[in-house]
PDB file of N, CA and C in Angstrom:
ATOM      1  N   MET A   1     -64.558 129.435 100.487  1.00  0.00           N
ATOM      2  CA  MET A   1     -65.948 129.097 100.743  1.00  0.00           C
ATOM      3  C   MET A   1     -66.053 128.103 101.895  1.00  0.00           C
ATOM      4  N   LYS A   2     -65.144 127.110 101.891  1.00  0.00           N
ATOM      5  CA  LYS A   2     -65.153 126.107 102.950  1.00  0.00           C
ATOM      6  C   LYS A   2     -64.866 126.774 104.299  1.00  0.00           C
ATOM      7  N   ASN A   3     -63.953 127.703 104.306  1.00  0.00           N
ATOM      8  CA  ASN A   3     -63.634 128.446 105.523  1.00  0.00           C
ATOM      9  C   ASN A   3     -64.841 129.248 106.018  1.00  0.00           C
ATOM     10  N   PHE A   4     -65.526 129.872 105.100  1.00  0.00           N
ATOM     11  CA  PHE A   4     -66.692 130.699 105.448  1.00  0.00           C
ATOM     12  C   PHE A   4     -67.791 129.853 106.099  1.00  0.00           C
ATOM     13  N   VAL A   5     -68.086 128.685 105.509  1.00  0.00           N
ATOM     14  CA  VAL A   5     -69.129 127.805 106.043  1.00  0.00           C
ATOM     15  C   VAL A   5     -68.734 127.297 107.427  1.00  0.00           C
ATOM     16  N   SER A   6     -67.486 126.903 107.618  1.00  0.00           N
ATOM     17  CA  SER A   6     -67.053 126.418 108.922  1.00  0.00           C
ATOM     18  C   SER A   6     -67.077 127.551 109.952  1.00  0.00           C
ATOM     19  N   HIS A   7     -66.720 128.755 109.529  1.00  0.00           N
ATOM     20  CA  HIS A   7     -66.744 129.903 110.444  1.00  0.00           C
ATOM     21  C   HIS A   7     -68.183 130.234 110.867  1.00  0.00           C
ATOM     22  N   VAL A   8     -69.119 130.197 109.915  1.00  0.00           N
ATOM     23  CA  VAL A   8     -70.531 130.452 110.244  1.00  0.00           C
ATOM     24  C   VAL A   8     -71.051 129.364 111.169  1.00  0.00           C
ATOM     25  N   GLY A   9     -70.694 128.111 110.902  1.00  0.00           N
ATOM     26  CA  GLY A   9     -71.131 127.013 111.768  1.00  0.00           C
ATOM     27  C   GLY A   9     -70.590 127.159 113.176  1.00  0.00           C
ATOM     28  N   MET A  10     -69.324 127.535 113.314  1.00  0.00           N
ATOM     29  CA  MET A  10     -68.731 127.716 114.648  1.00  0.00           C
ATOM     30  C   MET A  10     -69.370 128.891 115.376  1.00  0.00           C
ATOM     31  N   SER A  11     -69.649 129.955 114.667  1.00  0.00           N
ATOM     32  CA  SER A  11     -70.258 131.114 115.323  1.00  0.00           C
ATOM     33  C   SER A  11     -71.699 130.807 115.760  1.00  0.00           C
ATOM     34  N   LEU A  12     -72.428 130.044 114.969  1.00  0.00           N
ATOM     35  CA  LEU A  12     -73.773 129.638 115.369  1.00  0.00           C
ATOM     36  C   LEU A  12     -73.738 128.719 116.587  1.00  0.00           C
ATOM     37  N   ARG A  13     -72.773 127.807 116.590  1.00  0.00           N
ATOM     38  CA  ARG A  13     -72.631 126.905 117.732  1.00  0.00           C
ATOM     39  C   ARG A  13     -72.332 127.695 119.003  1.00  0.00           C
ATOM     40  N   ASN A  14     -71.439 128.657 118.924  1.00  0.00           N
ATOM     41  CA  ASN A  14     -71.114 129.483 120.084  1.00  0.00           C
ATOM     42  C   ASN A  14     -72.307 130.320 120.529  1.00  0.00           C
ATOM     43  N   LEU A  15     -73.049 130.826 119.567  1.00  0.00           N
ATOM     44  CA  LEU A  15     -74.230 131.619 119.895  1.00  0.00           C
ATOM     45  C   LEU A  15     -75.242 130.785 120.660  1.00  0.00           C
ATOM     46  N   PHE A  16     -75.488 129.538 120.204  1.00  0.00           N
ATOM     47  CA  PHE A  16     -76.456 128.689 120.898  1.00  0.00           C
ATOM     48  C   PHE A  16     -75.948 128.247 122.263  1.00  0.00           C
ATOM     49  N   ARG A  17     -74.653 128.084 122.423  1.00  0.00           N
ATOM     50  CA  ARG A  17     -74.121 127.719 123.743  1.00  0.00           C
ATOM     51  C   ARG A  17     -74.328 128.847 124.735  1.00  0.00           C
ATOM     52  N   GLU A  18     -74.159 130.073 124.283  1.00  0.00           N
ATOM     53  CA  GLU A  18     -74.340 131.212 125.172  1.00  0.00           C
ATOM     54  C   GLU A  18     -75.812 131.451 125.476  1.00  0.00           C
ATOM     55  N   LYS A  19     -76.663 131.199 124.537  1.00  0.00           N
ATOM     56  CA  LYS A  19     -78.078 131.524 124.686  1.00  0.00           C
ATOM     57  C   LYS A  19     -78.928 130.342 125.145  1.00  0.00           C
ATOM     58  N   ILE A  20     -78.314 129.224 125.485  1.00  0.00           N
ATOM     59  CA  ILE A  20     -79.080 128.033 125.835  1.00  0.00           C
ATOM     60  C   ILE A  20     -79.945 128.274 127.077  1.00  0.00           C
ATOM     61  N   ASN A  21     -79.441 129.047 128.059  1.00  0.00           N
ATOM     62  CA  ASN A  21     -80.232 129.332 129.259  1.00  0.00           C
ATOM     63  C   ASN A  21     -81.441 130.184 128.924  1.00  0.00           C
ATOM     64  N   LEU A  22     -81.267 131.118 128.015  1.00  0.00           N
ATOM     65  CA  LEU A  22     -82.384 131.947 127.595  1.00  0.00           C
ATOM     66  C   LEU A  22     -83.435 131.126 126.864  1.00  0.00           C
ATOM     67  N   VAL A  23     -83.004 130.193 126.049  1.00  0.00           N
ATOM     68  CA  VAL A  23     -83.937 129.332 125.325  1.00  0.00           C
ATOM     69  C   VAL A  23     -84.724 128.464 126.298  1.00  0.00           C
ATOM     70  N   ILE A  24     -84.056 127.905 127.296  1.00  0.00           N
ATOM     71  CA  ILE A  24     -84.741 127.083 128.302  1.00  0.00           C
ATOM     72  C   ILE A  24     -85.742 127.932 129.070  1.00  0.00           C
ATOM     73  N   LEU A  25     -85.365 129.145 129.428  1.00  0.00           N
ATOM     74  CA  LEU A  25     -86.267 130.040 130.144  1.00  0.00           C
ATOM     75  C   LEU A  25     -87.491 130.372 129.289  1.00  0.00           C
ATOM     76  N   LEU A  26     -87.286 130.653 128.019  1.00  0.00           N
ATOM     77  CA  LEU A  26     -88.405 130.957 127.133  1.00  0.00           C
ATOM     78  C   LEU A  26     -89.323 129.748 126.962  1.00  0.00           C
ATOM     79  N   GLU A  27     -88.754 128.559 126.876  1.00  0.00           N
ATOM     80  CA  GLU A  27     -89.576 127.348 126.784  1.00  0.00           C
ATOM     81  C   GLU A  27     -90.421 127.168 128.041  1.00  0.00           C
ATOM     82  N   LEU A  28     -89.833 127.416 129.212  1.00  0.00           N
ATOM     83  CA  LEU A  28     -90.590 127.304 130.459  1.00  0.00           C
ATOM     84  C   LEU A  28     -91.710 128.338 130.518  1.00  0.00           C
ATOM     85  N   VAL A  29     -91.434 129.542 130.081  1.00  0.00           N
ATOM     86  CA  VAL A  29     -92.465 130.578 130.072  1.00  0.00           C
ATOM     87  C   VAL A  29     -93.605 130.188 129.135  1.00  0.00           C
ATOM     88  N   ILE A  30     -93.272 129.658 127.975  1.00  0.00           N
ATOM     89  CA  ILE A  30     -94.303 129.235 127.026  1.00  0.00           C
ATOM     90  C   ILE A  30     -95.137 128.098 127.607  1.00  0.00           C
ATOM     91  N   ILE A  31     -94.502 127.150 128.269  1.00  0.00           N
ATOM     92  CA  ILE A  31     -95.230 126.035 128.881  1.00  0.00           C
ATOM     93  C   ILE A  31     -96.159 126.544 129.981  1.00  0.00           C
ATOM     94  N   ILE A  32     -95.664 127.456 130.794  1.00  0.00           N
ATOM     95  CA  ILE A  32     -96.496 128.017 131.869  1.00  0.00           C
ATOM     96  C   ILE A  32     -97.682 128.776 131.288  1.00  0.00           C
ATOM     97  N   LEU A  33     -97.450 129.554 130.241  1.00  0.00           N
ATOM     98  CA  LEU A  33     -98.548 130.287 129.607  1.00  0.00           C
ATOM     99  C   LEU A  33     -99.573 129.336 128.987  1.00  0.00           C
ATOM    100  N   LEU A  34     -99.125 128.250 128.401  1.00  0.00           N
ATOM    101  CA  LEU A  34    -100.054 127.266 127.846  1.00  0.00           C
ATOM    102  C   LEU A  34    -100.885 126.598 128.936  1.00  0.00           C
ATOM    103  N   LEU A  35    -100.248 126.270 130.065  1.00  0.00           N
ATOM    104  CA  LEU A  35    -101.000 125.691 131.177  1.00  0.00           C
ATOM    105  C   LEU A  35    -102.016 126.683 131.737  1.00  0.00           C
ATOM    106  N   LEU A  36    -101.622 127.943 131.837  1.00  0.00           N
ATOM    107  CA  LEU A  36    -102.536 128.977 132.303  1.00  0.00           C
ATOM    108  C   LEU A  36    -103.715 129.136 131.343  1.00  0.00           C
ATOM    109  N   LEU A  37    -103.441 129.105 130.064  1.00  0.00           N
ATOM    110  CA  LEU A  37    -104.496 129.206 129.061  1.00  0.00           C
ATOM    111  C   LEU A  37    -105.435 128.000 129.141  1.00  0.00           C
ATOM    112  N   PHE A  38    -104.874 126.809 129.322  1.00  0.00           N
ATOM    113  CA  PHE A  38    -105.678 125.599 129.449  1.00  0.00           C
ATOM    114  C   PHE A  38    -106.593 125.693 130.672  1.00  0.00           C
ATOM    115  N   TRP A  39    -106.045 126.158 131.804  1.00  0.00           N
ATOM    116  CA  TRP A  39    -106.845 126.320 133.017  1.00  0.00           C
ATOM    117  C   TRP A  39    -107.955 127.342 132.788  1.00  0.00           C
ATOM    118  N   LEU A  40    -107.642 128.428 132.113  1.00  0.00           N
ATOM    119  CA  LEU A  40    -108.627 129.474 131.858  1.00  0.00           C
ATOM    120  C   LEU A  40    -109.759 128.970 130.959  1.00  0.00           C
ATOM    121  N   VAL A  41    -109.430 128.187 129.951  1.00  0.00           N
ATOM    122  CA  VAL A  41    -110.457 127.639 129.059  1.00  0.00           C
ATOM    123  C   VAL A  41    -111.389 126.719 129.836  1.00  0.00           C
ATOM    124  N   ILE A  42    -110.836 125.872 130.680  1.00  0.00           N
ATOM    125  CA  ILE A  42    -111.669 124.963 131.477  1.00  0.00           C
ATOM    126  C   ILE A  42    -112.534 125.752 132.451  1.00  0.00           C
ATOM    127  N   TYR A  43    -111.955 126.772 133.074  1.00  0.00           N
ATOM    128  CA  TYR A  43    -112.715 127.574 134.033  1.00  0.00           C
ATOM    129  C   TYR A  43    -113.866 128.297 133.347  1.00  0.00           C
ATOM    130  N   VAL A  44    -113.611 128.884 132.185  1.00  0.00           N
ATOM    131  CA  VAL A  44    -114.667 129.586 131.450  1.00  0.00           C
ATOM    132  C   VAL A  44    -115.749 128.604 131.014  1.00  0.00           C
ATOM    133  N   TYR A  45    -115.366 127.422 130.599  1.00  0.00           N
ATOM    134  CA  TYR A  45    -116.344 126.401 130.221  1.00  0.00           C
ATOM    135  C   TYR A  45    -117.249 126.062 131.405  1.00  0.00           C
ATOM    136  N   LEU A  46    -116.664 125.913 132.586  1.00  0.00           N
ATOM    137  CA  LEU A  46    -117.470 125.601 133.763  1.00  0.00           C
ATOM    138  C   LEU A  46    -118.359 126.773 134.162  1.00  0.00           C
ATOM    139  N   GLU A  47    -117.872 127.989 134.006  1.00  0.00           N
ATOM    140  CA  GLU A  47    -118.682 129.158 134.332  1.00  0.00           C
ATOM    141  C   GLU A  47    -119.854 129.300 133.364  1.00  0.00           C
ATOM    142  N   ILE A  48    -119.639 128.969 132.112  1.00  0.00           N
ATOM    143  CA  ILE A  48    -120.737 129.024 131.151  1.00  0.00           C
ATOM    144  C   ILE A  48    -121.799 127.992 131.514  1.00  0.00           C
ATOM    145  N   GLY A  49    -121.359 126.886 132.085  1.00  0.00           N
ATOM    146  CA  GLY A  49    -122.311 125.868 132.532  1.00  0.00           C
ATOM    147  C   GLY A  49    -123.185 126.335 133.677  1.00  0.00           C
ATOM    148  N   ASP A  50    -122.817 127.436 134.323  1.00  0.00           N
ATOM    149  CA  ASP A  50    -123.609 127.973 135.428  1.00  0.00           C
ATOM    150  C   ASP A  50    -124.747 128.868 134.955  1.00  0.00           C
ATOM    151  N   ASN A  51    -124.981 128.953 133.664  1.00  0.00           N
ATOM    152  CA  ASN A  51    -126.055 129.800 133.171  1.00  0.00           C
ATOM    153  C   ASN A  51    -127.403 129.389 133.736  1.00  0.00           C
ATOM    154  N   GLN A  52    -127.592 128.108 133.963  1.00  0.00           N
ATOM    155  CA  GLN A  52    -128.850 127.644 134.537  1.00  0.00           C
ATOM    156  C   GLN A  52    -129.062 128.246 135.917  1.00  0.00           C
ATOM    157  N   TYR A  53    -127.978 128.367 136.682  1.00  0.00           N
ATOM    158  CA  TYR A  53    -128.068 128.964 138.018  1.00  0.00           C
ATOM    159  C   TYR A  53    -128.494 130.428 137.920  1.00  0.00           C
ATOM    160  N   HIS A  54    -127.936 131.163 136.985  1.00  0.00           N
ATOM    161  CA  HIS A  54    -128.288 132.569 136.836  1.00  0.00           C
ATOM    162  C   HIS A  54    -129.737 132.727 136.381  1.00  0.00           C
ATOM    163  N   PHE A  55    -130.194 131.822 135.533  1.00  0.00           N
ATOM    164  CA  PHE A  55    -131.595 131.831 135.115  1.00  0.00           C
ATOM    165  C   PHE A  55    -132.498 131.610 136.322  1.00  0.00           C
ATOM    166  N   TYR A  56    -132.106 130.676 137.185  1.00  0.00           N
ATOM    167  CA  TYR A  56    -132.871 130.401 138.402  1.00  0.00           C
ATOM    168  C   TYR A  56    -132.904 131.632 139.294  1.00  0.00           C
ATOM    169  N   MET A  57    -131.767 132.309 139.456  1.00  0.00           N
ATOM    170  CA  MET A  57    -131.716 133.477 140.328  1.00  0.00           C
ATOM    171  C   MET A  57    -132.581 134.607 139.788  1.00  0.00           C
ATOM    172  N   ASN A  58    -132.626 134.790 138.476  1.00  0.00           N
ATOM    173  CA  ASN A  58    -133.493 135.818 137.901  1.00  0.00           C
ATOM    174  C   ASN A  58    -134.960 135.496 138.163  1.00  0.00           C
ATOM    175  N   ASN A  59    -135.338 134.221 138.010  1.00  0.00           N
ATOM    176  CA  ASN A  59    -136.716 133.823 138.296  1.00  0.00           C
ATOM    177  C   ASN A  59    -137.031 133.984 139.772  1.00  0.00           C
ATOM    178  N   LYS A  60    -136.090 133.661 140.629  1.00  0.00           N
ATOM    179  CA  LYS A  60    -136.282 133.787 142.075  1.00  0.00           C
ATOM    180  C   LYS A  60    -136.556 135.233 142.449  1.00  0.00           C
ATOM    181  N   LYS A  61    -135.777 136.130 141.887  1.00  0.00           N
ATOM    182  CA  LYS A  61    -135.944 137.551 142.185  1.00  0.00           C
ATOM    183  C   LYS A  61    -137.320 138.043 141.719  1.00  0.00           C
ATOM    184  N   SER A  62    -137.738 137.607 140.538  1.00  0.00           N
ATOM    185  CA  SER A  62    -139.052 138.011 140.024  1.00  0.00           C
ATOM    186  C   SER A  62    -140.166 137.491 140.921  1.00  0.00           C
ATOM    187  N   LEU A  63    -140.068 136.220 141.339  1.00  0.00           N
ATOM    188  CA  LEU A  63    -141.100 135.660 142.220  1.00  0.00           C
ATOM    189  C   LEU A  63    -141.136 136.378 143.565  1.00  0.00           C
ATOM    190  N   GLU A  64    -139.976 136.745 144.082  1.00  0.00           N
ATOM    191  CA  GLU A  64    -139.944 137.483 145.348  1.00  0.00           C
ATOM    192  C   GLU A  64    -140.642 138.831 145.214  1.00  0.00           C
ATOM    193  N   LEU A  65    -140.413 139.513 144.114  1.00  0.00           N
ATOM    194  CA  LEU A  65    -141.036 140.825 143.922  1.00  0.00           C
ATOM    195  C   LEU A  65    -142.537 140.714 143.684  1.00  0.00           C
ATOM    196  N   ILE A  66    -142.964 139.714 142.937  1.00  0.00           N
ATOM    197  CA  ILE A  66    -144.386 139.567 142.619  1.00  0.00           C
ATOM    198  C   ILE A  66    -145.188 139.159 143.852  1.00  0.00           C
ATOM    199  N   HIS A  67    -144.692 138.162 144.619  1.00  0.00           N
ATOM    200  CA  HIS A  67    -145.452 137.600 145.734  1.00  0.00           C
ATOM    201  C   HIS A  67    -145.053 138.153 147.089  1.00  0.00           C
ATOM    202  N   ASN A  68    -144.077 139.046 147.118  1.00  0.00           N
ATOM    203  CA  ASN A  68    -143.643 139.693 148.356  1.00  0.00           C
ATOM    204  C   ASN A  68    -143.225 138.672 149.423  1.00  0.00           C
ATOM    205  N   VAL A  69    -142.402 137.720 149.029  1.00  0.00           N
ATOM    206  CA  VAL A  69    -141.837 136.727 149.945  1.00  0.00           C
ATOM    207  C   VAL A  69    -140.331 136.669 149.716  1.00  0.00           C
ATOM    208  N   LYS A  70    -139.627 136.019 150.602  1.00  0.00           N
ATOM    209  CA  LYS A  70    -138.188 135.796 150.444  1.00  0.00           C
ATOM    210  C   LYS A  70    -137.953 134.308 150.225  1.00  0.00           C
ATOM    211  N   ILE A  71    -137.212 133.984 149.152  1.00  0.00           N
ATOM    212  CA  ILE A  71    -136.925 132.593 148.803  1.00  0.00           C
ATOM    213  C   ILE A  71    -135.443 132.341 149.031  1.00  0.00           C
ATOM    214  N   ASP A  72    -135.153 131.200 149.659  1.00  0.00           N
ATOM    215  CA  ASP A  72    -133.770 130.824 149.934  1.00  0.00           C
ATOM    216  C   ASP A  72    -133.081 130.418 148.635  1.00  0.00           C
ATOM    217  N   LYS A  73    -131.947 131.028 148.325  1.00  0.00           N
ATOM    218  CA  LYS A  73    -131.270 130.731 147.063  1.00  0.00           C
ATOM    219  C   LYS A  73    -130.582 129.370 147.074  1.00  0.00           C
ATOM    220  N   TYR A  74    -130.439 128.761 148.241  1.00  0.00           N
ATOM    221  CA  TYR A  74    -129.752 127.474 148.328  1.00  0.00           C
ATOM    222  C   TYR A  74    -130.640 126.318 147.884  1.00  0.00           C
ATOM    223  N   ASP A  75    -131.868 126.267 148.427  1.00  0.00           N
ATOM    224  CA  ASP A  75    -132.733 125.124 148.109  1.00  0.00           C
ATOM    225  C   ASP A  75    -134.125 125.508 147.624  1.00  0.00           C
ATOM    226  N   GLY A  76    -134.440 126.781 147.509  1.00  0.00           N
ATOM    227  CA  GLY A  76    -135.713 127.209 146.958  1.00  0.00           C
ATOM    228  C   GLY A  76    -136.854 127.264 147.954  1.00  0.00           C
ATOM    229  N   SER A  77    -136.597 126.982 149.222  1.00  0.00           N
ATOM    230  CA  SER A  77    -137.654 127.086 150.227  1.00  0.00           C
ATOM    231  C   SER A  77    -137.722 128.538 150.722  1.00  0.00           C
ATOM    232  N   PHE A  78    -138.699 128.811 151.586  1.00  0.00           N
ATOM    233  CA  PHE A  78    -138.798 130.155 152.144  1.00  0.00           C
ATOM    234  C   PHE A  78    -137.637 130.394 153.110  1.00  0.00           C
ATOM    235  N   VAL A  79    -137.204 131.639 153.212  1.00  0.00           N
ATOM    236  CA  VAL A  79    -136.063 131.984 154.060  1.00  0.00           C
ATOM    237  C   VAL A  79    -136.431 131.753 155.524  1.00  0.00           C
ATOM    238  N   ARG A  80    -135.519 131.146 156.257  1.00  0.00           N
ATOM    239  CA  ARG A  80    -135.694 130.908 157.694  1.00  0.00           C
ATOM    240  C   ARG A  80    -134.330 131.006 158.352  1.00  0.00           C
ATOM    241  N   ASP A  81    -134.301 131.081 159.670  1.00  0.00           N
ATOM    242  CA  ASP A  81    -133.029 131.105 160.390  1.00  0.00           C
ATOM    243  C   ASP A  81    -132.379 129.729 160.313  1.00  0.00           C
ATOM    244  N   LEU A  82    -131.095 129.729 160.004  1.00  0.00           N
ATOM    245  CA  LEU A  82    -130.374 128.460 159.853  1.00  0.00           C
ATOM    246  C   LEU A  82    -129.635 128.117 161.137  1.00  0.00           C
ATOM    247  N   THR A  83    -129.507 126.820 161.382  1.00  0.00           N
ATOM    248  CA  THR A  83    -128.674 126.382 162.492  1.00  0.00           C
ATOM    249  C   THR A  83    -127.211 126.507 162.089  1.00  0.00           C
ATOM    250  N   THR A  84    -126.338 126.435 163.063  1.00  0.00           N
ATOM    251  CA  THR A  84    -124.907 126.526 162.786  1.00  0.00           C
ATOM    252  C   THR A  84    -124.452 125.401 161.877  1.00  0.00           C
ATOM    253  N   GLU A  85    -124.990 124.220 162.102  1.00  0.00           N
ATOM    254  CA  GLU A  85    -124.624 123.071 161.269  1.00  0.00           C
ATOM    255  C   GLU A  85    -125.024 123.277 159.816  1.00  0.00           C
ATOM    256  N   GLU A  86    -126.231 123.800 159.605  1.00  0.00           N
ATOM    257  CA  GLU A  86    -126.689 124.056 158.238  1.00  0.00           C
ATOM    258  C   GLU A  86    -125.831 125.119 157.550  1.00  0.00           C
ATOM    259  N   GLU A  87    -125.453 126.146 158.285  1.00  0.00           N
ATOM    260  CA  GLU A  87    -124.580 127.179 157.716  1.00  0.00           C
ATOM    261  C   GLU A  87    -123.225 126.605 157.325  1.00  0.00           C
ATOM    262  N   LEU A  88    -122.662 125.744 158.177  1.00  0.00           N
ATOM    263  CA  LEU A  88    -121.369 125.130 157.874  1.00  0.00           C
ATOM    264  C   LEU A  88    -121.457 124.209 156.660  1.00  0.00           C
ATOM    265  N   ILE A  89    -122.550 123.466 156.551  1.00  0.00           N
ATOM    266  CA  ILE A  89    -122.733 122.571 155.399  1.00  0.00           C
ATOM    267  C   ILE A  89    -122.828 123.386 154.119  1.00  0.00           C
ATOM    268  N   ARG A  90    -123.580 124.470 154.153  1.00  0.00           N
ATOM    269  CA  ARG A  90    -123.704 125.320 152.967  1.00  0.00           C
ATOM    270  C   ARG A  90    -122.360 125.938 152.595  1.00  0.00           C
ATOM    271  N   LYS A  91    -121.622 126.366 153.599  1.00  0.00           N
ATOM    272  CA  LYS A  91    -120.309 126.957 153.333  1.00  0.00           C
ATOM    273  C   LYS A  91    -119.360 125.921 152.731  1.00  0.00           C
ATOM    274  N   GLN A  92    -119.437 124.687 153.210  1.00  0.00           N
ATOM    275  CA  GLN A  92    -118.567 123.624 152.722  1.00  0.00           C
ATOM    276  C   GLN A  92    -118.864 123.278 151.260  1.00  0.00           C
ATOM    277  N   TYR A  93    -120.131 123.297 150.878  1.00  0.00           N
ATOM    278  CA  TYR A  93    -120.510 122.921 149.520  1.00  0.00           C
ATOM    279  C   TYR A  93    -120.546 124.097 148.550  1.00  0.00           C
ATOM    280  N   GLU A  94    -120.157 125.272 149.035  1.00  0.00           N
ATOM    281  CA  GLU A  94    -120.155 126.440 148.159  1.00  0.00           C
ATOM    282  C   GLU A  94    -119.121 126.259 147.054  1.00  0.00           C
ATOM    283  N   ARG A  95    -119.514 126.555 145.848  1.00  0.00           N
ATOM    284  CA  ARG A  95    -118.637 126.372 144.697  1.00  0.00           C
ATOM    285  C   ARG A  95    -117.746 127.583 144.516  1.00  0.00           C
ATOM    286  N   PHE A  96    -116.508 127.357 144.098  1.00  0.00           N
ATOM    287  CA  PHE A  96    -115.569 128.447 143.891  1.00  0.00           C
ATOM    288  C   PHE A  96    -115.898 129.179 142.594  1.00  0.00           C
ATOM    289  N   HIS A  97    -115.945 130.502 142.678  1.00  0.00           N
ATOM    290  CA  HIS A  97    -116.103 131.353 141.512  1.00  0.00           C
ATOM    291  C   HIS A  97    -115.033 132.425 141.580  1.00  0.00           C
ATOM    292  N   LEU A  98    -114.460 132.729 140.441  1.00  0.00           N
ATOM    293  CA  LEU A  98    -113.403 133.735 140.403  1.00  0.00           C
ATOM    294  C   LEU A  98    -113.905 135.085 140.886  1.00  0.00           C
ATOM    295  N   ARG A  99    -115.160 135.375 140.639  1.00  0.00           N
ATOM    296  CA  ARG A  99    -115.699 136.674 141.066  1.00  0.00           C
ATOM    297  C   ARG A  99    -115.756 136.785 142.593  1.00  0.00           C
ATOM    298  N   ASN A 100    -115.745 135.665 143.316  1.00  0.00           N
ATOM    299  CA  ASN A 100    -115.776 135.719 144.774  1.00  0.00           C
ATOM    300  C   ASN A 100    -114.461 136.200 145.359  1.00  0.00           C
ATOM    301  N   LEU A 101    -113.384 136.150 144.588  1.00  0.00           N
ATOM    302  CA  LEU A 101    -112.110 136.663 145.080  1.00  0.00           C
ATOM    303  C   LEU A 101    -112.159 138.162 145.305  1.00  0.00           C
ATOM    304  N   PHE A 102    -112.973 138.859 144.518  1.00  0.00           N
ATOM    305  CA  PHE A 102    -113.027 140.301 144.592  1.00  0.00           C
ATOM    306  C   PHE A 102    -114.224 140.813 145.381  1.00  0.00           C
ATOM    307  N   LYS A 103    -115.016 139.903 145.908  1.00  0.00           N
ATOM    308  CA  LYS A 103    -116.209 140.280 146.673  1.00  0.00           C
ATOM    309  C   LYS A 103    -115.822 140.515 148.128  1.00  0.00           C
ATOM    310  N   VAL A 104    -116.269 141.619 148.681  1.00  0.00           N
ATOM    311  CA  VAL A 104    -116.025 141.929 150.090  1.00  0.00           C
ATOM    312  C   VAL A 104    -117.153 141.307 150.901  1.00  0.00           C
ATOM    313  N   ARG A 105    -116.758 140.523 151.907  1.00  0.00           N
ATOM    314  CA  ARG A 105    -117.792 139.858 152.721  1.00  0.00           C
ATOM    315  C   ARG A 105    -117.950 140.549 154.027  1.00  0.00           C
TER     316      ARG A 105
END
């Protein structure tokens, strides 16, 4: 019995020595997946916070159709030609959305 227990212990020790690189790799993969999940949860939370923006855009579209005018989606004024500086400022303050990665400009 004593021989059997020592043999099992030695075989387990050898198994873990051989598989230690695999265990480290699996731990790294799990950590990366957890970080990715954490980033995704935060991103979805921020996107849900944009519901007010979508509500505004729906109202804007309705007002445009009812009154036959064009409303600027940036500041709510009537659409006009922008200067280069104004276009650059708007581009600089544009918020990142994941859906913009797949949008063709």
